[in-house]
Amino acid sequence: PVRVPQLGKEADPLHIDADKNQGRAPSDFYQAFVDIFIMAKAKCLSYGAGSFGKFSIMISGNSCESQHTKTVCFDSRNSTR
């Protein structure tokens, strides 16, 4: 079995580009790199407003993507978008 590490709900993910996190040990950002690696291996990826997933698409060379926060869905119940 493969054990996939995850952050507890009590911790916010660290942002590499945040000034307050400069000087931290590289291992502190392990979870962010694991997330990017897993997403980069996906055949297609849907990402949100923060565009964290967009970075993994750029480094993987994959072209299958969808930004779900910009998708307009058709509501067949009342014929509106």
N, C-alpha and C. Protein backbone atom coordinates (compact mmCIF):
# COMPACT_ATOMS: atom_id res chain seq x y z
N PRO A 1 0.83 -1.20 0.00
CA PRO A 1 0.00 0.00 0.00
C PRO A 1 0.87 1.26 0.00
N VAL A 2 0.34 2.29 -0.61
CA VAL A 2 1.03 3.58 -0.68
C VAL A 2 0.38 4.52 0.33
N ARG A 3 1.18 5.13 1.17
CA ARG A 3 0.67 6.09 2.15
C ARG A 3 0.83 7.49 1.56
N VAL A 4 -0.27 8.18 1.40
CA VAL A 4 -0.25 9.55 0.88
C VAL A 4 -0.34 10.51 2.05
N PRO A 5 0.70 11.32 2.27
CA PRO A 5 0.65 12.26 3.39
C PRO A 5 -0.34 13.38 3.12
N GLN A 6 -0.91 13.89 4.19
CA GLN A 6 -1.83 15.02 4.05
C GLN A 6 -1.70 15.94 5.24
N LEU A 7 -2.05 17.19 5.00
CA LEU A 7 -2.04 18.17 6.09
C LEU A 7 -3.27 17.97 6.95
N GLY A 8 -3.13 18.26 8.22
CA GLY A 8 -4.30 18.26 9.08
C GLY A 8 -5.15 19.49 8.80
N LYS A 9 -6.39 19.44 9.20
CA LYS A 9 -7.29 20.56 8.94
C LYS A 9 -6.91 21.80 9.75
N GLU A 10 -6.08 21.63 10.75
CA GLU A 10 -5.72 22.77 11.58
C GLU A 10 -4.61 23.62 10.97
N ALA A 11 -3.98 23.13 9.89
CA ALA A 11 -2.85 23.85 9.30
C ALA A 11 -3.20 24.36 7.91
N ASP A 12 -2.84 25.61 7.64
CA ASP A 12 -2.99 26.16 6.30
C ASP A 12 -1.75 25.76 5.49
N PRO A 13 -1.90 25.53 4.21
CA PRO A 13 -0.73 25.19 3.40
C PRO A 13 0.22 26.39 3.32
N LEU A 14 1.50 26.10 3.32
CA LEU A 14 2.50 27.16 3.23
C LEU A 14 2.62 27.64 1.79
N HIS A 15 2.79 28.93 1.62
CA HIS A 15 2.97 29.51 0.30
C HIS A 15 4.44 29.86 0.12
N ILE A 16 5.04 29.29 -0.92
CA ILE A 16 6.46 29.49 -1.15
C ILE A 16 6.80 30.96 -1.39
N ASP A 17 5.88 31.69 -2.02
CA ASP A 17 6.16 33.08 -2.36
C ASP A 17 5.81 34.08 -1.27
N ALA A 18 5.33 33.62 -0.12
CA ALA A 18 4.97 34.55 0.96
C ALA A 18 6.22 34.99 1.72
N ASP A 19 6.34 36.28 1.94
CA ASP A 19 7.51 36.82 2.65
C ASP A 19 7.70 36.18 4.02
N LYS A 20 6.58 35.90 4.71
CA LYS A 20 6.70 35.35 6.06
C LYS A 20 7.27 33.93 6.07
N ASN A 21 7.30 33.27 4.92
CA ASN A 21 7.82 31.91 4.86
C ASN A 21 9.24 31.83 4.32
N GLN A 22 9.85 32.97 4.00
CA GLN A 22 11.22 32.99 3.51
C GLN A 22 12.15 32.49 4.61
N GLY A 23 13.11 31.66 4.23
CA GLY A 23 14.08 31.14 5.19
C GLY A 23 13.66 29.84 5.85
N ARG A 24 12.45 29.37 5.58
CA ARG A 24 12.01 28.10 6.14
C ARG A 24 12.74 26.95 5.47
N ALA A 25 12.78 25.82 6.13
CA ALA A 25 13.42 24.63 5.58
C ALA A 25 12.64 24.14 4.36
N PRO A 26 13.34 23.69 3.32
CA PRO A 26 12.63 23.17 2.14
C PRO A 26 11.64 22.05 2.48
N SER A 27 11.94 21.27 3.49
CA SER A 27 11.04 20.18 3.87
C SER A 27 9.69 20.69 4.38
N ASP A 28 9.63 21.94 4.81
CA ASP A 28 8.36 22.51 5.26
C ASP A 28 7.35 22.63 4.11
N PHE A 29 7.86 22.68 2.90
CA PHE A 29 7.00 22.83 1.71
C PHE A 29 6.75 21.50 1.02
N TYR A 30 7.08 20.40 1.67
CA TYR A 30 6.96 19.08 1.08
C TYR A 30 5.57 18.84 0.51
N GLN A 31 4.54 19.17 1.23
CA GLN A 31 3.17 18.90 0.78
C GLN A 31 2.85 19.63 -0.53
N ALA A 32 3.31 20.86 -0.67
CA ALA A 32 3.05 21.60 -1.90
C ALA A 32 3.72 20.92 -3.09
N PHE A 33 4.94 20.43 -2.92
CA PHE A 33 5.64 19.76 -4.01
C PHE A 33 4.99 18.42 -4.35
N VAL A 34 4.50 17.71 -3.35
CA VAL A 34 3.78 16.45 -3.60
C VAL A 34 2.51 16.74 -4.40
N ASP A 35 1.78 17.77 -4.02
CA ASP A 35 0.56 18.14 -4.75
C ASP A 35 0.86 18.47 -6.21
N ILE A 36 1.89 19.27 -6.44
CA ILE A 36 2.26 19.66 -7.80
C ILE A 36 2.68 18.43 -8.60
N PHE A 37 3.46 17.54 -8.00
CA PHE A 37 3.92 16.34 -8.68
C PHE A 37 2.74 15.46 -9.10
N ILE A 38 1.82 15.24 -8.18
CA ILE A 38 0.66 14.39 -8.49
C ILE A 38 -0.19 15.03 -9.58
N MET A 39 -0.43 16.33 -9.49
CA MET A 39 -1.23 17.01 -10.50
C MET A 39 -0.53 17.00 -11.86
N ALA A 40 0.80 17.11 -11.88
CA ALA A 40 1.54 17.12 -13.14
C ALA A 40 1.44 15.77 -13.85
N LYS A 41 1.15 14.71 -13.13
CA LYS A 41 1.02 13.38 -13.72
C LYS A 41 -0.40 13.10 -14.23
N ALA A 42 -1.33 14.00 -14.00
CA ALA A 42 -2.73 13.79 -14.42
C ALA A 42 -2.86 13.93 -15.93
N LYS A 43 -3.81 13.21 -16.50
CA LYS A 43 -4.07 13.32 -17.94
C LYS A 43 -4.82 14.61 -18.25
N CYS A 44 -5.68 15.04 -17.34
CA CYS A 44 -6.42 16.28 -17.50
C CYS A 44 -6.65 16.87 -16.12
N LEU A 45 -6.67 18.17 -16.02
CA LEU A 45 -6.74 18.81 -14.71
C LEU A 45 -7.74 19.96 -14.70
N SER A 46 -8.53 20.01 -13.66
CA SER A 46 -9.44 21.13 -13.43
C SER A 46 -8.91 21.90 -12.24
N TYR A 47 -8.80 23.20 -12.37
CA TYR A 47 -8.26 24.02 -11.29
C TYR A 47 -9.16 25.21 -11.03
N GLY A 48 -8.97 25.84 -9.88
CA GLY A 48 -9.86 26.92 -9.46
C GLY A 48 -9.24 28.30 -9.62
N ALA A 49 -9.80 29.25 -8.88
CA ALA A 49 -9.43 30.65 -9.00
C ALA A 49 -7.97 30.92 -8.62
N GLY A 50 -7.43 30.16 -7.69
CA GLY A 50 -6.05 30.39 -7.27
C GLY A 50 -5.02 29.96 -8.28
N SER A 51 -5.41 29.15 -9.25
CA SER A 51 -4.55 28.66 -10.34
C SER A 51 -3.36 27.85 -9.88
N PHE A 52 -3.43 27.24 -8.69
CA PHE A 52 -2.34 26.38 -8.22
C PHE A 52 -2.12 25.24 -9.21
N GLY A 53 -3.21 24.68 -9.73
CA GLY A 53 -3.10 23.59 -10.68
C GLY A 53 -2.52 24.01 -12.02
N LYS A 54 -2.66 25.26 -12.38
CA LYS A 54 -2.13 25.77 -13.66
C LYS A 54 -0.62 25.58 -13.73
N PHE A 55 0.06 25.76 -12.62
CA PHE A 55 1.51 25.59 -12.60
C PHE A 55 1.90 24.16 -12.95
N SER A 56 1.17 23.19 -12.42
CA SER A 56 1.49 21.79 -12.72
C SER A 56 1.25 21.48 -14.19
N ILE A 57 0.25 22.11 -14.81
CA ILE A 57 0.01 21.92 -16.24
C ILE A 57 1.19 22.49 -17.03
N MET A 58 1.67 23.65 -16.63
CA MET A 58 2.77 24.30 -17.35
C MET A 58 4.05 23.46 -17.29
N ILE A 59 4.36 22.85 -16.15
CA ILE A 59 5.60 22.07 -16.05
C ILE A 59 5.46 20.68 -16.65
N SER A 60 4.24 20.19 -16.80
CA SER A 60 4.05 18.84 -17.35
C SER A 60 4.00 18.84 -18.87
N GLY A 61 3.67 19.98 -19.47
CA GLY A 61 3.50 20.03 -20.91
C GLY A 61 2.14 19.52 -21.37
N ASN A 62 1.27 19.22 -20.43
CA ASN A 62 -0.07 18.73 -20.74
C ASN A 62 -0.93 19.89 -21.23
N SER A 63 -1.85 19.61 -22.13
CA SER A 63 -2.70 20.68 -22.64
C SER A 63 -4.18 20.48 -22.27
N CYS A 64 -4.50 19.41 -21.57
CA CYS A 64 -5.89 19.16 -21.18
C CYS A 64 -6.14 19.83 -19.84
N GLU A 65 -6.95 20.89 -19.85
CA GLU A 65 -7.20 21.64 -18.63
C GLU A 65 -8.57 22.30 -18.66
N SER A 66 -9.06 22.63 -17.48
CA SER A 66 -10.32 23.35 -17.35
C SER A 66 -10.27 24.16 -16.07
N GLN A 67 -10.51 25.46 -16.20
CA GLN A 67 -10.60 26.29 -15.00
C GLN A 67 -12.07 26.32 -14.61
N HIS A 68 -12.42 25.52 -13.60
CA HIS A 68 -13.84 25.32 -13.28
C HIS A 68 -14.53 26.57 -12.75
N THR A 69 -13.79 27.56 -12.32
CA THR A 69 -14.43 28.79 -11.83
C THR A 69 -14.85 29.70 -12.97
N LYS A 70 -14.42 29.39 -14.20
CA LYS A 70 -14.81 30.18 -15.37
C LYS A 70 -15.79 29.43 -16.26
N THR A 71 -16.17 28.24 -15.86
CA THR A 71 -17.08 27.43 -16.66
C THR A 71 -18.52 27.87 -16.42
N VAL A 72 -19.25 28.05 -17.50
CA VAL A 72 -20.67 28.39 -17.40
C VAL A 72 -21.46 27.13 -17.73
N CYS A 73 -22.27 26.71 -16.81
CA CYS A 73 -23.04 25.48 -16.99
C CYS A 73 -24.49 25.84 -17.39
N PHE A 74 -25.04 25.03 -18.24
CA PHE A 74 -26.41 25.23 -18.68
C PHE A 74 -27.37 24.56 -17.70
N ASP A 75 -28.36 25.29 -17.22
CA ASP A 75 -29.37 24.75 -16.30
C ASP A 75 -30.61 24.40 -17.12
N SER A 76 -30.82 23.12 -17.37
CA SER A 76 -31.91 22.69 -18.21
C SER A 76 -33.29 22.85 -17.54
N ARG A 77 -33.29 23.04 -16.22
CA ARG A 77 -34.57 23.18 -15.52
C ARG A 77 -35.28 24.49 -15.83
N ASN A 78 -34.49 25.54 -16.02
CA ASN A 78 -35.13 26.82 -16.32
C ASN A 78 -34.52 27.53 -17.52
N SER A 79 -33.78 26.77 -18.32
CA SER A 79 -33.20 27.26 -19.58
C SER A 79 -32.39 28.54 -19.41
N THR A 80 -31.62 28.62 -18.32
CA THR A 80 -30.73 29.77 -18.11
C THR A 80 -29.31 29.26 -17.94
N ARG A 81 -28.41 30.17 -18.05
CA ARG A 81 -27.00 29.82 -17.81
C ARG A 81 -26.55 30.44 -16.51
